[in-house]
PDB file of N, CA and C in Angstrom:
ATOM      1  N   MET A   1      -1.595  -4.613  11.070  1.00  0.00           N
ATOM      2  CA  MET A   1      -1.072  -3.638  11.596  1.00  0.00           C
ATOM      3  C   MET A   1      -1.080  -2.630  10.184  1.00  0.00           C
ATOM      4  N   ILE A   2      -1.618  -1.427  10.368  1.00  0.00           N
ATOM      5  CA  ILE A   2      -1.509  -0.363   9.573  1.00  0.00           C
ATOM      6  C   ILE A   2      -0.365   0.539   9.704  1.00  0.00           C
ATOM      7  N   LEU A   3       0.445   0.659   8.595  1.00  0.00           N
ATOM      8  CA  LEU A   3       1.799   1.408   8.561  1.00  0.00           C
ATOM      9  C   LEU A   3       1.440   2.962   8.228  1.00  0.00           C
ATOM     10  N   PRO A   4       2.227   3.871   8.875  1.00  0.00           N
ATOM     11  CA  PRO A   4       1.960   5.125   8.497  1.00  0.00           C
ATOM     12  C   PRO A   4       2.202   5.732   7.323  1.00  0.00           C
ATOM     13  N   PRO A   5       1.816   6.729   6.670  1.00  0.00           N
ATOM     14  CA  PRO A   5       2.044   7.221   5.451  1.00  0.00           C
ATOM     15  C   PRO A   5       3.473   7.246   5.140  1.00  0.00           C
ATOM     16  N   GLU A   6       4.416   7.665   6.084  1.00  0.00           N
ATOM     17  CA  GLU A   6       5.682   7.952   5.782  1.00  0.00           C
ATOM     18  C   GLU A   6       6.593   6.653   5.578  1.00  0.00           C
ATOM     19  N   PHE A   7       5.837   5.494   5.885  1.00  0.00           N
ATOM     20  CA  PHE A   7       6.612   4.186   5.821  1.00  0.00           C
ATOM     21  C   PHE A   7       7.063   4.174   4.149  1.00  0.00           C
ATOM     22  N   ILE A   8       6.154   4.372   3.139  1.00  0.00           N
ATOM     23  CA  ILE A   8       6.390   4.277   1.710  1.00  0.00           C
ATOM     24  C   ILE A   8       7.988   5.071   1.346  1.00  0.00           C
ATOM     25  N   ASP A   9       8.111   6.053   2.274  1.00  0.00           N
ATOM     26  CA  ASP A   9       9.408   6.833   2.061  1.00  0.00           C
ATOM     27  C   ASP A   9      10.643   6.211   2.603  1.00  0.00           C
ATOM     28  N   THR A  10      10.412   5.142   3.452  1.00  0.00           N
ATOM     29  CA  THR A  10      11.496   4.597   4.177  1.00  0.00           C
ATOM     30  C   THR A  10      12.033   3.371   3.145  1.00  0.00           C
ATOM     31  N   ILE A  11      11.404   3.320   2.288  1.00  0.00           N
ATOM     32  CA  ILE A  11      11.638   2.007   1.440  1.00  0.00           C
ATOM     33  C   ILE A  11      12.727   2.364   0.344  1.00  0.00           C
ATOM     34  N   ASP A  12      13.914   1.722   0.263  1.00  0.00           N
ATOM     35  CA  ASP A  12      14.841   2.228  -0.908  1.00  0.00           C
ATOM     36  C   ASP A  12      14.331   2.426  -2.030  1.00  0.00           C
ATOM     37  N   PRO A  13      14.597   3.513  -2.678  1.00  0.00           N
ATOM     38  CA  PRO A  13      13.923   4.017  -3.960  1.00  0.00           C
ATOM     39  C   PRO A  13      14.247   2.932  -5.075  1.00  0.00           C
ATOM     40  N   GLU A  14      15.160   2.083  -4.933  1.00  0.00           N
ATOM     41  CA  GLU A  14      15.574   1.256  -5.934  1.00  0.00           C
ATOM     42  C   GLU A  14      14.513   0.085  -5.865  1.00  0.00           C
ATOM     43  N   THR A  15      13.971  -0.231  -4.688  1.00  0.00           N
ATOM     44  CA  THR A  15      13.079  -1.309  -4.560  1.00  0.00           C
ATOM     45  C   THR A  15      11.544  -0.862  -4.512  1.00  0.00           C
ATOM     46  N   ARG A  16      11.435   0.342  -4.298  1.00  0.00           N
ATOM     47  CA  ARG A  16      10.140   1.008  -4.003  1.00  0.00           C
ATOM     48  C   ARG A  16       9.167   0.637  -5.291  1.00  0.00           C
ATOM     49  N   ASP A  17       9.568   0.859  -6.515  1.00  0.00           N
ATOM     50  CA  ASP A  17       8.896   0.661  -7.476  1.00  0.00           C
ATOM     51  C   ASP A  17       8.202  -0.869  -7.635  1.00  0.00           C
ATOM     52  N   SER A  18       9.180  -1.927  -7.308  1.00  0.00           N
ATOM     53  CA  SER A  18       8.513  -3.291  -7.416  1.00  0.00           C
ATOM     54  C   SER A  18       7.581  -3.517  -6.092  1.00  0.00           C
ATOM     55  N   PHE A  19       7.848  -2.914  -4.882  1.00  0.00           N
ATOM     56  CA  PHE A  19       6.924  -3.064  -4.002  1.00  0.00           C
ATOM     57  C   PHE A  19       5.610  -2.507  -4.362  1.00  0.00           C
ATOM     58  N   LEU A  20       5.464  -1.445  -4.793  1.00  0.00           N
ATOM     59  CA  LEU A  20       4.257  -0.489  -5.320  1.00  0.00           C
ATOM     60  C   LEU A  20       3.556  -1.554  -6.368  1.00  0.00           C
ATOM     61  N   GLU A  21       4.402  -2.179  -7.194  1.00  0.00           N
ATOM     62  CA  GLU A  21       3.700  -2.996  -8.250  1.00  0.00           C
ATOM     63  C   GLU A  21       2.869  -4.385  -7.495  1.00  0.00           C
ATOM     64  N   HIS A  22       3.789  -4.917  -6.479  1.00  0.00           N
ATOM     65  CA  HIS A  22       3.243  -5.809  -5.632  1.00  0.00           C
ATOM     66  C   HIS A  22       1.982  -5.288  -4.971  1.00  0.00           C
ATOM     67  N   LEU A  23       1.901  -4.149  -4.364  1.00  0.00           N
ATOM     68  CA  LEU A  23       0.555  -3.764  -3.960  1.00  0.00           C
ATOM     69  C   LEU A  23      -0.491  -3.587  -4.944  1.00  0.00           C
ATOM     70  N   ILE A  24      -0.291  -3.140  -5.914  1.00  0.00           N
ATOM     71  CA  ILE A  24      -1.071  -3.108  -7.168  1.00  0.00           C
ATOM     72  C   ILE A  24      -1.673  -4.360  -7.363  1.00  0.00           C
ATOM     73  N   LEU A  25      -0.836  -5.270  -7.804  1.00  0.00           N
ATOM     74  CA  LEU A  25      -1.269  -6.492  -8.243  1.00  0.00           C
ATOM     75  C   LEU A  25      -2.171  -7.276  -6.916  1.00  0.00           C
ATOM     76  N   SER A  26      -1.643  -7.249  -5.934  1.00  0.00           N
ATOM     77  CA  SER A  26      -2.445  -7.767  -4.578  1.00  0.00           C
ATOM     78  C   SER A  26      -3.796  -7.288  -4.735  1.00  0.00           C
ATOM     79  N   ALA A  27      -3.820  -6.031  -4.954  1.00  0.00           N
ATOM     80  CA  ALA A  27      -5.351  -5.131  -4.772  1.00  0.00           C
ATOM     81  C   ALA A  27      -6.111  -5.569  -5.881  1.00  0.00           C
ATOM     82  N   THR A  28      -5.680  -5.960  -7.074  1.00  0.00           N
ATOM     83  CA  THR A  28      -6.264  -6.232  -8.117  1.00  0.00           C
ATOM     84  C   THR A  28      -6.809  -7.812  -8.226  1.00  0.00           C
ATOM     85  N   GLY A  29      -5.707  -8.580  -7.717  1.00  0.00           N
ATOM     86  CA  GLY A  29      -6.001 -10.048  -7.515  1.00  0.00           C
ATOM     87  C   GLY A  29      -5.487 -10.643  -9.002  1.00  0.00           C
ATOM     88  N   LEU A  30      -4.813  -9.841  -9.628  1.00  0.00           N
ATOM     89  CA  LEU A  30      -4.147 -10.193 -10.942  1.00  0.00           C
ATOM     90  C   LEU A  30      -2.741 -10.744 -10.968  1.00  0.00           C
ATOM     91  N   GLU A  31      -2.404 -11.647 -11.661  1.00  0.00           N
ATOM     92  CA  GLU A  31      -1.179 -12.108 -11.871  1.00  0.00           C
ATOM     93  C   GLU A  31      -0.252 -11.084 -12.857  1.00  0.00           C
ATOM     94  N   GLN A  32      -0.970 -10.666 -13.813  1.00  0.00           N
ATOM     95  CA  GLN A  32      -0.455  -9.552 -14.920  1.00  0.00           C
ATOM     96  C   GLN A  32      -1.334  -8.420 -14.741  1.00  0.00           C
ATOM     97  N   TYR A  33      -0.843  -7.445 -15.072  1.00  0.00           N
ATOM     98  CA  TYR A  33      -1.373  -6.150 -15.106  1.00  0.00           C
ATOM     99  C   TYR A  33      -1.523  -5.469 -16.626  1.00  0.00           C
ATOM    100  N   ASP A  34      -2.645  -5.023 -16.963  1.00  0.00           N
ATOM    101  CA  ASP A  34      -2.907  -4.725 -18.365  1.00  0.00           C
ATOM    102  C   ASP A  34      -2.710  -3.157 -18.336  1.00  0.00           C
ATOM    103  N   GLY A  35      -2.910  -2.222 -17.248  1.00  0.00           N
ATOM    104  CA  GLY A  35      -3.026  -0.878 -17.170  1.00  0.00           C
ATOM    105  C   GLY A  35      -1.467  -0.363 -17.439  1.00  0.00           C
ATOM    106  N   ASP A  36      -1.296   0.924 -17.255  1.00  0.00           N
ATOM    107  CA  ASP A  36      -0.083   1.526 -17.222  1.00  0.00           C
ATOM    108  C   ASP A  36       0.433   1.532 -15.817  1.00  0.00           C
ATOM    109  N   LEU A  37       1.348   0.393 -15.589  1.00  0.00           N
ATOM    110  CA  LEU A  37       1.938   0.046 -14.183  1.00  0.00           C
ATOM    111  C   LEU A  37       2.625   1.503 -13.886  1.00  0.00           C
ATOM    112  N   SER A  38       3.361   2.205 -14.699  1.00  0.00           N
ATOM    113  CA  SER A  38       4.157   3.224 -14.270  1.00  0.00           C
ATOM    114  C   SER A  38       3.315   4.214 -13.553  1.00  0.00           C
ATOM    115  N   ALA A  39       2.239   4.602 -14.515  1.00  0.00           N
ATOM    116  CA  ALA A  39       1.439   5.677 -14.078  1.00  0.00           C
ATOM    117  C   ALA A  39       0.642   5.394 -12.816  1.00  0.00           C
ATOM    118  N   ASP A  40       0.194   4.247 -12.716  1.00  0.00           N
ATOM    119  CA  ASP A  40      -0.446   3.669 -11.515  1.00  0.00           C
ATOM    120  C   ASP A  40       0.383   3.663 -10.329  1.00  0.00           C
ATOM    121  N   ARG A  41       1.719   3.266 -10.568  1.00  0.00           N
ATOM    122  CA  ARG A  41       2.704   3.309  -9.183  1.00  0.00           C
ATOM    123  C   ARG A  41       2.774   4.877  -8.787  1.00  0.00           C
ATOM    124  N   GLU A  42       2.666   5.834  -9.612  1.00  0.00           N
ATOM    125  CA  GLU A  42       2.786   7.114  -9.273  1.00  0.00           C
ATOM    126  C   GLU A  42       1.604   7.483  -8.632  1.00  0.00           C
ATOM    127  N   LYS A  43       0.373   7.162  -9.241  1.00  0.00           N
ATOM    128  CA  LYS A  43      -0.729   7.645  -8.499  1.00  0.00           C
ATOM    129  C   LYS A  43      -1.006   7.013  -7.146  1.00  0.00           C
ATOM    130  N   LEU A  44      -0.421   5.683  -6.947  1.00  0.00           N
ATOM    131  CA  LEU A  44      -0.556   5.019  -5.782  1.00  0.00           C
ATOM    132  C   LEU A  44       0.401   5.717  -4.626  1.00  0.00           C
ATOM    133  N   LEU A  45       1.533   6.008  -5.062  1.00  0.00           N
ATOM    134  CA  LEU A  45       2.370   6.809  -4.339  1.00  0.00           C
ATOM    135  C   LEU A  45       1.981   7.902  -3.623  1.00  0.00           C
ATOM    136  N   LYS A  46       1.223   8.748  -4.487  1.00  0.00           N
ATOM    137  CA  LYS A  46       0.756   9.898  -4.253  1.00  0.00           C
ATOM    138  C   LYS A  46      -0.433   9.583  -3.151  1.00  0.00           C
ATOM    139  N   ALA A  47      -1.337   8.801  -3.220  1.00  0.00           N
ATOM    140  CA  ALA A  47      -2.415   8.429  -2.611  1.00  0.00           C
ATOM    141  C   ALA A  47      -1.938   8.003  -1.341  1.00  0.00           C
ATOM    142  N   LEU A  48      -0.806   7.143  -1.083  1.00  0.00           N
ATOM    143  CA  LEU A  48      -0.357   6.874   0.058  1.00  0.00           C
ATOM    144  C   LEU A  48       0.350   7.740   0.903  1.00  0.00           C
ATOM    145  N   ARG A  49       1.139   8.696   0.361  1.00  0.00           N
ATOM    146  CA  ARG A  49       1.447   9.745   0.901  1.00  0.00           C
ATOM    147  C   ARG A  49       0.599  10.811   1.449  1.00  0.00           C
ATOM    148  N   ARG A  50      -0.627  10.917   0.840  1.00  0.00           N
ATOM    149  CA  ARG A  50      -1.765  11.859   1.245  1.00  0.00           C
ATOM    150  C   ARG A  50      -2.599  10.915   2.446  1.00  0.00           C
ATOM    151  N   GLY A  51      -2.336   9.590   2.391  1.00  0.00           N
ATOM    152  CA  GLY A  51      -3.109   9.284   3.575  1.00  0.00           C
ATOM    153  C   GLY A  51      -4.432   8.764   3.040  1.00  0.00           C
ATOM    154  N   ASP A  52      -4.766   8.552   1.810  1.00  0.00           N
ATOM    155  CA  ASP A  52      -6.075   8.059   1.223  1.00  0.00           C
ATOM    156  C   ASP A  52      -5.957   6.459   1.231  1.00  0.00           C
ATOM    157  N   TYR A  53      -4.950   5.887   1.235  1.00  0.00           N
ATOM    158  CA  TYR A  53      -4.631   4.664   1.367  1.00  0.00           C
ATOM    159  C   TYR A  53      -3.531   4.301   2.023  1.00  0.00           C
ATOM    160  N   PHE A  54      -3.478   3.231   2.844  1.00  0.00           N
ATOM    161  CA  PHE A  54      -2.558   2.806   3.768  1.00  0.00           C
ATOM    162  C   PHE A  54      -1.957   1.175   3.424  1.00  0.00           C
ATOM    163  N   VAL A  55      -0.576   1.090   3.863  1.00  0.00           N
ATOM    164  CA  VAL A  55      -0.180  -0.316   3.721  1.00  0.00           C
ATOM    165  C   VAL A  55      -0.462  -0.907   4.833  1.00  0.00           C
ATOM    166  N   GLU A  56      -1.015  -2.230   4.661  1.00  0.00           N
ATOM    167  CA  GLU A  56      -1.460  -3.000   5.830  1.00  0.00           C
ATOM    168  C   GLU A  56      -0.417  -4.263   5.908  1.00  0.00           C
ATOM    169  N   HIS A  57      -0.083  -4.556   6.971  1.00  0.00           N
ATOM    170  CA  HIS A  57       1.032  -5.523   7.204  1.00  0.00           C
ATOM    171  C   HIS A  57       0.668  -6.488   8.267  1.00  0.00           C
ATOM    172  N   ALA A  58       1.027  -7.776   7.577  1.00  0.00           N
ATOM    173  CA  ALA A  58       0.817  -8.982   8.578  1.00  0.00           C
ATOM    174  C   ALA A  58       1.905  -9.775   8.554  1.00  0.00           C
ATOM    175  N   ASP A  59       2.260 -10.079   9.784  1.00  0.00           N
ATOM    176  CA  ASP A  59       3.567 -10.971  10.091  1.00  0.00           C
ATOM    177  C   ASP A  59       3.008 -12.310  10.353  1.00  0.00           C
ATOM    178  N   GLY A  60       2.973 -13.135   9.172  1.00  0.00           N
ATOM    179  CA  GLY A  60       2.595 -14.613   9.424  1.00  0.00           C
ATOM    180  C   GLY A  60       3.705 -15.610   9.981  1.00  0.00           C
ATOM    181  N   ASP A  61       3.480 -16.699  10.235  1.00  0.00           N
ATOM    182  CA  ASP A  61       4.524 -17.762  10.684  1.00  0.00           C
ATOM    183  C   ASP A  61       5.535 -17.832   9.779  1.00  0.00           C
ATOM    184  N   GLU A  62       5.423 -17.830   8.331  1.00  0.00           N
ATOM    185  CA  GLU A  62       6.285 -18.146   7.274  1.00  0.00           C
ATOM    186  C   GLU A  62       6.760 -17.054   6.628  1.00  0.00           C
ATOM    187  N   GLU A  63       5.832 -16.069   6.359  1.00  0.00           N
ATOM    188  CA  GLU A  63       5.963 -14.972   5.591  1.00  0.00           C
ATOM    189  C   GLU A  63       5.265 -13.661   5.907  1.00  0.00           C
ATOM    190  N   GLN A  64       5.735 -12.344   5.539  1.00  0.00           N
ATOM    191  CA  GLN A  64       5.073 -11.308   5.920  1.00  0.00           C
ATOM    192  C   GLN A  64       4.044 -10.806   4.535  1.00  0.00           C
ATOM    193  N   THR A  65       3.053 -10.194   4.814  1.00  0.00           N
ATOM    194  CA  THR A  65       2.271  -9.926   3.692  1.00  0.00           C
ATOM    195  C   THR A  65       1.958  -8.647   3.843  1.00  0.00           C
ATOM    196  N   PHE A  66       1.678  -7.786   2.591  1.00  0.00           N
ATOM    197  CA  PHE A  66       1.641  -6.555   2.786  1.00  0.00           C
ATOM    198  C   PHE A  66       0.148  -6.288   1.773  1.00  0.00           C
ATOM    199  N   GLY A  67      -0.577  -5.421   2.069  1.00  0.00           N
ATOM    200  CA  GLY A  67      -1.725  -5.231   1.075  1.00  0.00           C
ATOM    201  C   GLY A  67      -2.101  -3.454   1.353  1.00  0.00           C
ATOM    202  N   LEU A  68      -3.097  -3.340   0.569  1.00  0.00           N
ATOM    203  CA  LEU A  68      -3.770  -1.851   0.665  1.00  0.00           C
ATOM    204  C   LEU A  68      -5.057  -2.011   1.338  1.00  0.00           C
ATOM    205  N   ILE A  69      -5.171  -0.793   2.276  1.00  0.00           N
ATOM    206  CA  ILE A  69      -6.474  -0.678   2.838  1.00  0.00           C
ATOM    207  C   ILE A  69      -6.770   0.733   2.719  1.00  0.00           C
ATOM    208  N   SER A  70      -8.129   1.063   2.178  1.00  0.00           N
ATOM    209  CA  SER A  70      -8.599   2.627   2.198  1.00  0.00           C
ATOM    210  C   SER A  70      -8.365   3.090   3.766  1.00  0.00           C
ATOM    211  N   ARG A  71      -8.543   4.384   3.703  1.00  0.00           N
ATOM    212  CA  ARG A  71      -8.796   5.182   4.897  1.00  0.00           C
ATOM    213  C   ARG A  71     -10.095   4.923   5.482  1.00  0.00           C
ATOM    214  N   ASP A  72     -10.999   5.040   4.651  1.00  0.00           N
ATOM    215  CA  ASP A  72     -12.295   4.599   5.122  1.00  0.00           C
ATOM    216  C   ASP A  72     -12.618   3.259   5.808  1.00  0.00           C
ATOM    217  N   ARG A  73     -11.994   2.449   5.219  1.00  0.00           N
ATOM    218  CA  ARG A  73     -12.228   0.932   5.360  1.00  0.00           C
ATOM    219  C   ARG A  73     -11.441   0.647   6.902  1.00  0.00           C
ATOM    220  N   ALA A  74     -10.202   1.191   6.935  1.00  0.00           N
ATOM    221  CA  ALA A  74      -9.631   1.167   7.999  1.00  0.00           C
ATOM    222  C   ALA A  74     -10.330   1.744   9.331  1.00  0.00           C
ATOM    223  N   MET A  75     -10.924   2.979   8.953  1.00  0.00           N
ATOM    224  CA  MET A  75     -11.643   3.563  10.196  1.00  0.00           C
ATOM    225  C   MET A  75     -12.783   2.561  10.533  1.00  0.00           C
ATOM    226  N   GLU A  76     -13.381   2.094   9.519  1.00  0.00           N
ATOM    227  CA  GLU A  76     -14.556   1.014   9.705  1.00  0.00           C
ATOM    228  C   GLU A  76     -13.988  -0.007  10.541  1.00  0.00           C
ATOM    229  N   LEU A  77     -13.143  -0.469  10.431  1.00  0.00           N
ATOM    230  CA  LEU A  77     -12.332  -1.606  11.094  1.00  0.00           C
ATOM    231  C   LEU A  77     -11.776  -1.142  12.645  1.00  0.00           C
ATOM    232  N   GLY A  78     -11.899   0.158  12.956  1.00  0.00           N
ATOM    233  CA  GLY A  78     -11.585   0.477  14.182  1.00  0.00           C
ATOM    234  C   GLY A  78     -10.043   0.832  14.325  1.00  0.00           C
ATOM    235  N   PHE A  79      -9.363   1.054  13.109  1.00  0.00           N
ATOM    236  CA  PHE A  79      -7.953   1.264  13.376  1.00  0.00           C
ATOM    237  C   PHE A  79      -7.897   2.934  13.813  1.00  0.00           C
ATOM    238  N   GLU A  80      -6.949   3.268  14.684  1.00  0.00           N
ATOM    239  CA  GLU A  80      -6.879   4.867  14.845  1.00  0.00           C
ATOM    240  C   GLU A  80      -5.831   5.233  13.932  1.00  0.00           C
ATOM    241  N   LEU A  81      -6.380   6.327  13.013  1.00  0.00           N
ATOM    242  CA  LEU A  81      -5.548   6.910  12.081  1.00  0.00           C
ATOM    243  C   LEU A  81      -5.261   8.394  12.761  1.00  0.00           C
ATOM    244  N   ASN A  82      -4.080   8.903  11.919  1.00  0.00           N
ATOM    245  CA  ASN A  82      -3.937  10.324  12.059  1.00  0.00           C
ATOM    246  C   ASN A  82      -5.177  11.065  11.568  1.00  0.00           C
ATOM    247  N   PRO A  83      -5.728  12.015  12.048  1.00  0.00           N
ATOM    248  CA  PRO A  83      -6.900  12.673  11.379  1.00  0.00           C
ATOM    249  C   PRO A  83      -6.451  13.687  10.209  1.00  0.00           C
ATOM    250  N   ASP A  84      -5.132  13.796   9.973  1.00  0.00           N
ATOM    251  CA  ASP A  84      -4.755  14.512   8.722  1.00  0.00           C
ATOM    252  C   ASP A  84      -5.082  13.981   7.480  1.00  0.00           C
TER     253      ASP A  84
END
């Protein structure tokens, strides 16, 4: 399921940074991140709010998983997105 851009603003600000870090690490496939995580969190937050990227959510049998998907890839897969 693709979550709407405003989803990111429903997360408690105290936990949003760690959630964004999780998304960045998931997207890179790395356990540790050598970049400027603080700056990249802000860039990702802006991209999510603009709708350039979306949070993808899967509810598995034992755990929930979250990842990133670009607007273009989501449209290729047939997800209906807000055209804005």
